[in-house]
Amino acid sequence: MSIEGIVGGLTKAEARGVEQVMIEARGLQKNGGDLLNQINSVAPSAANYDKLKAKGAEILKSIGYDPKKQE
């Protein structure tokens, strides 16, 4: 699965936010989840973590996409 398959036309920051929401909803494969990412897209310690994650969730909600559902 790729973000482009879900939503396109994002800025780099928006894509990172969407990706982080997906990581937290679906989990990294190395931790038993189903995403191939090796690391978080946005470090939880980053100053803009909450802002990027909120924007990512807003984008997914605006297109009616539930990141917890298997696609």
PDB file of N, CA and C in Angstrom:
ATOM      1  N   MET A   1       0.851  -1.168   0.000  1.00  0.00           N
ATOM      2  CA  MET A   1       0.000   0.000   0.000  1.00  0.00           C
ATOM      3  C   MET A   1       0.896   1.230   0.000  1.00  0.00           C
ATOM      4  N   SER A   2       0.491   2.239  -0.714  1.00  0.00           N
ATOM      5  CA  SER A   2       1.224   3.501  -0.717  1.00  0.00           C
ATOM      6  C   SER A   2       0.253   4.634  -0.458  1.00  0.00           C
ATOM      7  N   ILE A   3       0.775   5.732   0.041  1.00  0.00           N
ATOM      8  CA  ILE A   3      -0.080   6.892   0.295  1.00  0.00           C
ATOM      9  C   ILE A   3      -0.712   7.369  -0.997  1.00  0.00           C
ATOM     10  N   GLU A   4       0.051   7.317  -2.108  1.00  0.00           N
ATOM     11  CA  GLU A   4      -0.489   7.763  -3.387  1.00  0.00           C
ATOM     12  C   GLU A   4      -1.731   6.969  -3.782  1.00  0.00           C
ATOM     13  N   GLY A   5      -1.803   5.712  -3.343  1.00  0.00           N
ATOM     14  CA  GLY A   5      -2.972   4.895  -3.623  1.00  0.00           C
ATOM     15  C   GLY A   5      -4.197   5.303  -2.815  1.00  0.00           C
ATOM     16  N   ILE A   6      -3.975   6.116  -1.805  1.00  0.00           N
ATOM     17  CA  ILE A   6      -5.054   6.559  -0.930  1.00  0.00           C
ATOM     18  C   ILE A   6      -5.442   7.997  -1.234  1.00  0.00           C
ATOM     19  N   VAL A   7      -4.445   8.874  -1.271  1.00  0.00           N
ATOM     20  CA  VAL A   7      -4.676  10.299  -1.508  1.00  0.00           C
ATOM     21  C   VAL A   7      -3.420  10.885  -2.140  1.00  0.00           C
ATOM     22  N   GLY A   8      -3.614  11.781  -3.098  1.00  0.00           N
ATOM     23  CA  GLY A   8      -2.484  12.393  -3.787  1.00  0.00           C
ATOM     24  C   GLY A   8      -2.479  13.901  -3.622  1.00  0.00           C
ATOM     25  N   GLY A   9      -1.469  14.530  -4.194  1.00  0.00           N
ATOM     26  CA  GLY A   9      -1.375  15.978  -4.191  1.00  0.00           C
ATOM     27  C   GLY A   9      -1.017  16.572  -2.843  1.00  0.00           C
ATOM     28  N   LEU A  10      -0.314  15.805  -2.003  1.00  0.00           N
ATOM     29  CA  LEU A  10       0.035  16.278  -0.674  1.00  0.00           C
ATOM     30  C   LEU A  10       1.410  16.936  -0.665  1.00  0.00           C
ATOM     31  N   THR A  11       1.576  17.859   0.264  1.00  0.00           N
ATOM     32  CA  THR A  11       2.915  18.388   0.505  1.00  0.00           C
ATOM     33  C   THR A  11       3.698  17.307   1.249  1.00  0.00           C
ATOM     34  N   LYS A  12       5.002  17.497   1.350  1.00  0.00           N
ATOM     35  CA  LYS A  12       5.822  16.530   2.081  1.00  0.00           C
ATOM     36  C   LYS A  12       5.362  16.426   3.537  1.00  0.00           C
ATOM     37  N   ALA A  13       5.081  17.554   4.158  1.00  0.00           N
ATOM     38  CA  ALA A  13       4.636  17.559   5.553  1.00  0.00           C
ATOM     39  C   ALA A  13       3.287  16.846   5.706  1.00  0.00           C
ATOM     40  N   GLU A  14       2.361  17.100   4.785  1.00  0.00           N
ATOM     41  CA  GLU A  14       1.057  16.432   4.841  1.00  0.00           C
ATOM     42  C   GLU A  14       1.216  14.926   4.670  1.00  0.00           C
ATOM     43  N   ALA A  15       2.064  14.522   3.739  1.00  0.00           N
ATOM     44  CA  ALA A  15       2.300  13.094   3.516  1.00  0.00           C
ATOM     45  C   ALA A  15       2.887  12.440   4.758  1.00  0.00           C
ATOM     46  N   ARG A  16       3.805  13.118   5.426  1.00  0.00           N
ATOM     47  CA  ARG A  16       4.390  12.579   6.657  1.00  0.00           C
ATOM     48  C   ARG A  16       3.329  12.433   7.735  1.00  0.00           C
ATOM     49  N   GLY A  17       2.415  13.401   7.829  1.00  0.00           N
ATOM     50  CA  GLY A  17       1.333  13.319   8.807  1.00  0.00           C
ATOM     51  C   GLY A  17       0.396  12.168   8.526  1.00  0.00           C
ATOM     52  N   VAL A  18       0.002  12.010   7.264  1.00  0.00           N
ATOM     53  CA  VAL A  18      -0.862  10.887   6.876  1.00  0.00           C
ATOM     54  C   VAL A  18      -0.151   9.571   7.169  1.00  0.00           C
ATOM     55  N   GLU A  19       1.105   9.491   6.794  1.00  0.00           N
ATOM     56  CA  GLU A  19       1.878   8.275   7.018  1.00  0.00           C
ATOM     57  C   GLU A  19       1.964   7.939   8.508  1.00  0.00           C
ATOM     58  N   GLN A  20       2.165   8.936   9.352  1.00  0.00           N
ATOM     59  CA  GLN A  20       2.260   8.673  10.785  1.00  0.00           C
ATOM     60  C   GLN A  20       0.938   8.176  11.351  1.00  0.00           C
ATOM     61  N   VAL A  21      -0.159   8.754  10.903  1.00  0.00           N
ATOM     62  CA  VAL A  21      -1.475   8.271  11.337  1.00  0.00           C
ATOM     63  C   VAL A  21      -1.642   6.800  10.935  1.00  0.00           C
ATOM     64  N   MET A  22      -1.238   6.474   9.712  1.00  0.00           N
ATOM     65  CA  MET A  22      -1.321   5.094   9.235  1.00  0.00           C
ATOM     66  C   MET A  22      -0.439   4.162  10.074  1.00  0.00           C
ATOM     67  N   ILE A  23       0.771   4.608  10.377  1.00  0.00           N
ATOM     68  CA  ILE A  23       1.688   3.794  11.186  1.00  0.00           C
ATOM     69  C   ILE A  23       1.070   3.492  12.542  1.00  0.00           C
ATOM     70  N   GLU A  24       0.499   4.503  13.171  1.00  0.00           N
ATOM     71  CA  GLU A  24      -0.075   4.293  14.494  1.00  0.00           C
ATOM     72  C   GLU A  24      -1.350   3.459  14.457  1.00  0.00           C
ATOM     73  N   ALA A  25      -2.093   3.542  13.371  1.00  0.00           N
ATOM     74  CA  ALA A  25      -3.323   2.757  13.248  1.00  0.00           C
ATOM     75  C   ALA A  25      -3.050   1.312  12.845  1.00  0.00           C
ATOM     76  N   ARG A  26      -2.068   1.103  11.971  1.00  0.00           N
ATOM     77  CA  ARG A  26      -1.831  -0.217  11.391  1.00  0.00           C
ATOM     78  C   ARG A  26      -0.593  -0.923  11.924  1.00  0.00           C
ATOM     79  N   GLY A  27       0.367  -0.158  12.407  1.00  0.00           N
ATOM     80  CA  GLY A  27       1.575  -0.735  12.981  1.00  0.00           C
ATOM     81  C   GLY A  27       2.644  -1.050  11.950  1.00  0.00           C
ATOM     82  N   LEU A  28       3.882  -0.992  12.414  1.00  0.00           N
ATOM     83  CA  LEU A  28       5.026  -1.347  11.578  1.00  0.00           C
ATOM     84  C   LEU A  28       5.120  -2.861  11.489  1.00  0.00           C
ATOM     85  N   GLN A  29       5.459  -3.368  10.324  1.00  0.00           N
ATOM     86  CA  GLN A  29       5.554  -4.812  10.117  1.00  0.00           C
ATOM     87  C   GLN A  29       6.530  -5.454  11.102  1.00  0.00           C
ATOM     88  N   LYS A  30       7.641  -4.778  11.384  1.00  0.00           N
ATOM     89  CA  LYS A  30       8.635  -5.337  12.305  1.00  0.00           C
ATOM     90  C   LYS A  30       8.085  -5.496  13.720  1.00  0.00           C
ATOM     91  N   ASN A  31       6.975  -4.804  14.012  1.00  0.00           N
ATOM     92  CA  ASN A  31       6.331  -4.902  15.324  1.00  0.00           C
ATOM     93  C   ASN A  31       5.015  -5.670  15.267  1.00  0.00           C
ATOM     94  N   GLY A  32       4.808  -6.411  14.186  1.00  0.00           N
ATOM     95  CA  GLY A  32       3.592  -7.196  14.047  1.00  0.00           C
ATOM     96  C   GLY A  32       2.490  -6.523  13.261  1.00  0.00           C
ATOM     97  N   GLY A  33       2.723  -5.304  12.777  1.00  0.00           N
ATOM     98  CA  GLY A  33       1.733  -4.594  11.972  1.00  0.00           C
ATOM     99  C   GLY A  33       1.856  -4.986  10.508  1.00  0.00           C
ATOM    100  N   ASP A  34       1.229  -4.208   9.643  1.00  0.00           N
ATOM    101  CA  ASP A  34       1.264  -4.563   8.224  1.00  0.00           C
ATOM    102  C   ASP A  34       1.910  -3.503   7.320  1.00  0.00           C
ATOM    103  N   LEU A  35       2.545  -2.480   7.915  1.00  0.00           N
ATOM    104  CA  LEU A  35       3.210  -1.470   7.098  1.00  0.00           C
ATOM    105  C   LEU A  35       4.706  -1.753   7.005  1.00  0.00           C
ATOM    106  N   LEU A  36       5.255  -1.570   5.829  1.00  0.00           N
ATOM    107  CA  LEU A  36       6.662  -1.893   5.586  1.00  0.00           C
ATOM    108  C   LEU A  36       7.637  -0.846   6.110  1.00  0.00           C
ATOM    109  N   ASN A  37       7.147   0.308   6.541  1.00  0.00           N
ATOM    110  CA  ASN A  37       8.025   1.346   7.064  1.00  0.00           C
ATOM    111  C   ASN A  37       8.945   0.761   8.137  1.00  0.00           C
ATOM    112  N   GLN A  38      10.171   1.236   8.168  1.00  0.00           N
ATOM    113  CA  GLN A  38      11.111   0.791   9.185  1.00  0.00           C
ATOM    114  C   GLN A  38      11.055   1.659  10.440  1.00  0.00           C
ATOM    115  N   ILE A  39      10.681   2.919  10.262  1.00  0.00           N
ATOM    116  CA  ILE A  39      10.635   3.856  11.384  1.00  0.00           C
ATOM    117  C   ILE A  39       9.390   4.729  11.258  1.00  0.00           C
ATOM    118  N   ASN A  40       9.109   5.472  12.328  1.00  0.00           N
ATOM    119  CA  ASN A  40       8.015   6.443  12.281  1.00  0.00           C
ATOM    120  C   ASN A  40       8.321   7.508  11.244  1.00  0.00           C
ATOM    121  N   SER A  41       7.316   8.048  10.643  1.00  0.00           N
ATOM    122  CA  SER A  41       7.479   9.137   9.691  1.00  0.00           C
ATOM    123  C   SER A  41       7.792  10.441  10.409  1.00  0.00           C
ATOM    124  N   VAL A  42       7.214  10.602  11.586  1.00  0.00           N
ATOM    125  CA  VAL A  42       7.444  11.772  12.422  1.00  0.00           C
ATOM    126  C   VAL A  42       7.779  11.250  13.822  1.00  0.00           C
ATOM    127  N   ALA A  43       8.915  11.659  14.343  1.00  0.00           N
ATOM    128  CA  ALA A  43       9.308  11.227  15.691  1.00  0.00           C
ATOM    129  C   ALA A  43       8.345  11.810  16.719  1.00  0.00           C
ATOM    130  N   PRO A  44       7.883  10.980  17.655  1.00  0.00           N
ATOM    131  CA  PRO A  44       6.982  11.492  18.690  1.00  0.00           C
ATOM    132  C   PRO A  44       7.578  12.654  19.488  1.00  0.00           C
ATOM    133  N   SER A  45       8.881  12.756  19.513  1.00  0.00           N
ATOM    134  CA  SER A  45       9.536  13.849  20.242  1.00  0.00           C
ATOM    135  C   SER A  45       9.654  15.135  19.412  1.00  0.00           C
ATOM    136  N   ALA A  46       9.282  15.088  18.139  1.00  0.00           N
ATOM    137  CA  ALA A  46       9.381  16.264  17.262  1.00  0.00           C
ATOM    138  C   ALA A  46       8.404  17.345  17.706  1.00  0.00           C
ATOM    139  N   ALA A  47       8.838  18.583  17.614  1.00  0.00           N
ATOM    140  CA  ALA A  47       8.004  19.711  18.031  1.00  0.00           C
ATOM    141  C   ALA A  47       6.694  19.786  17.245  1.00  0.00           C
ATOM    142  N   ASN A  48       6.706  19.351  15.986  1.00  0.00           N
ATOM    143  CA  ASN A  48       5.511  19.444  15.140  1.00  0.00           C
ATOM    144  C   ASN A  48       4.735  18.128  15.045  1.00  0.00           C
ATOM    145  N   TYR A  49       5.054  17.169  15.884  1.00  0.00           N
ATOM    146  CA  TYR A  49       4.418  15.844  15.855  1.00  0.00           C
ATOM    147  C   TYR A  49       2.893  15.938  15.924  1.00  0.00           C
ATOM    148  N   ASP A  50       2.374  16.604  16.947  1.00  0.00           N
ATOM    149  CA  ASP A  50       0.918  16.683  17.118  1.00  0.00           C
ATOM    150  C   ASP A  50       0.250  17.395  15.949  1.00  0.00           C
ATOM    151  N   LYS A  51       0.869  18.466  15.472  1.00  0.00           N
ATOM    152  CA  LYS A  51       0.310  19.236  14.361  1.00  0.00           C
ATOM    153  C   LYS A  51       0.269  18.397  13.079  1.00  0.00           C
ATOM    154  N   LEU A  52       1.370  17.704  12.770  1.00  0.00           N
ATOM    155  CA  LEU A  52       1.408  16.889  11.551  1.00  0.00           C
ATOM    156  C   LEU A  52       0.441  15.711  11.639  1.00  0.00           C
ATOM    157  N   LYS A  53       0.383  15.089  12.796  1.00  0.00           N
ATOM    158  CA  LYS A  53      -0.522  13.953  12.964  1.00  0.00           C
ATOM    159  C   LYS A  53      -1.986  14.399  12.869  1.00  0.00           C
ATOM    160  N   ALA A  54      -2.311  15.542  13.440  1.00  0.00           N
ATOM    161  CA  ALA A  54      -3.683  16.070  13.354  1.00  0.00           C
ATOM    162  C   ALA A  54      -4.048  16.386  11.908  1.00  0.00           C
ATOM    163  N   LYS A  55      -3.118  16.978  11.169  1.00  0.00           N
ATOM    164  CA  LYS A  55      -3.377  17.292   9.754  1.00  0.00           C
ATOM    165  C   LYS A  55      -3.561  16.010   8.954  1.00  0.00           C
ATOM    166  N   GLY A  56      -2.729  14.999   9.233  1.00  0.00           N
ATOM    167  CA  GLY A  56      -2.865  13.715   8.550  1.00  0.00           C
ATOM    168  C   GLY A  56      -4.215  13.078   8.805  1.00  0.00           C
ATOM    169  N   ALA A  57      -4.664  13.113  10.058  1.00  0.00           N
ATOM    170  CA  ALA A  57      -5.970  12.547  10.405  1.00  0.00           C
ATOM    171  C   ALA A  57      -7.095  13.327   9.720  1.00  0.00           C
ATOM    172  N   GLU A  58      -6.945  14.642   9.653  1.00  0.00           N
ATOM    173  CA  GLU A  58      -7.941  15.493   8.990  1.00  0.00           C
ATOM    174  C   GLU A  58      -8.036  15.145   7.501  1.00  0.00           C
ATOM    175  N   ILE A  59      -6.902  14.945   6.859  1.00  0.00           N
ATOM    176  CA  ILE A  59      -6.883  14.606   5.432  1.00  0.00           C
ATOM    177  C   ILE A  59      -7.569  13.266   5.203  1.00  0.00           C
ATOM    178  N   LEU A  60      -7.229  12.273   6.003  1.00  0.00           N
ATOM    179  CA  LEU A  60      -7.841  10.949   5.836  1.00  0.00           C
ATOM    180  C   LEU A  60      -9.346  11.012   6.083  1.00  0.00           C
ATOM    181  N   LYS A  61      -9.757  11.748   7.088  1.00  0.00           N
ATOM    182  CA  LYS A  61     -11.191  11.889   7.379  1.00  0.00           C
ATOM    183  C   LYS A  61     -11.906  12.578   6.227  1.00  0.00           C
ATOM    184  N   SER A  62     -11.262  13.577   5.618  1.00  0.00           N
ATOM    185  CA  SER A  62     -11.909  14.334   4.542  1.00  0.00           C
ATOM    186  C   SER A  62     -12.197  13.488   3.309  1.00  0.00           C
ATOM    187  N   ILE A  63     -11.455  12.401   3.138  1.00  0.00           N
ATOM    188  CA  ILE A  63     -11.702  11.512   1.996  1.00  0.00           C
ATOM    189  C   ILE A  63     -12.449  10.238   2.413  1.00  0.00           C
ATOM    190  N   GLY A  64     -12.859  10.188   3.680  1.00  0.00           N
ATOM    191  CA  GLY A  64     -13.623   9.035   4.162  1.00  0.00           C
ATOM    192  C   GLY A  64     -12.805   7.778   4.321  1.00  0.00           C
ATOM    193  N   TYR A  65     -11.500   7.931   4.569  1.00  0.00           N
ATOM    194  CA  TYR A  65     -10.632   6.769   4.686  1.00  0.00           C
ATOM    195  C   TYR A  65     -10.391   6.437   6.159  1.00  0.00           C
ATOM    196  N   ASP A  66     -10.652   5.201   6.544  1.00  0.00           N
ATOM    197  CA  ASP A  66     -10.406   4.727   7.899  1.00  0.00           C
ATOM    198  C   ASP A  66      -9.106   3.926   7.892  1.00  0.00           C
ATOM    199  N   PRO A  67      -8.040   4.459   8.492  1.00  0.00           N
ATOM    200  CA  PRO A  67      -6.748   3.790   8.444  1.00  0.00           C
ATOM    201  C   PRO A  67      -6.703   2.455   9.169  1.00  0.00           C
ATOM    202  N   LYS A  68      -7.678   2.175  10.003  1.00  0.00           N
ATOM    203  CA  LYS A  68      -7.687   0.918  10.744  1.00  0.00           C
ATOM    204  C   LYS A  68      -8.239  -0.247   9.924  1.00  0.00           C
ATOM    205  N   LYS A  69      -8.943   0.056   8.848  1.00  0.00           N
ATOM    206  CA  LYS A  69      -9.514  -0.990   7.992  1.00  0.00           C
ATOM    207  C   LYS A  69      -8.478  -1.522   7.025  1.00  0.00           C
ATOM    208  N   GLN A  70      -8.516  -2.798   6.780  1.00  0.00           N
ATOM    209  CA  GLN A  70      -7.624  -3.419   5.802  1.00  0.00           C
ATOM    210  C   GLN A  70      -8.107  -3.063   4.400  1.00  0.00           C
ATOM    211  N   GLU A  71      -7.192  -2.645   3.553  1.00  0.00           N
ATOM    212  CA  GLU A  71      -7.540  -2.302   2.170  1.00  0.00           C
ATOM    213  C   GLU A  71      -7.000  -3.371   1.246  1.00  0.00           C
TER     214      GLU A  71
END
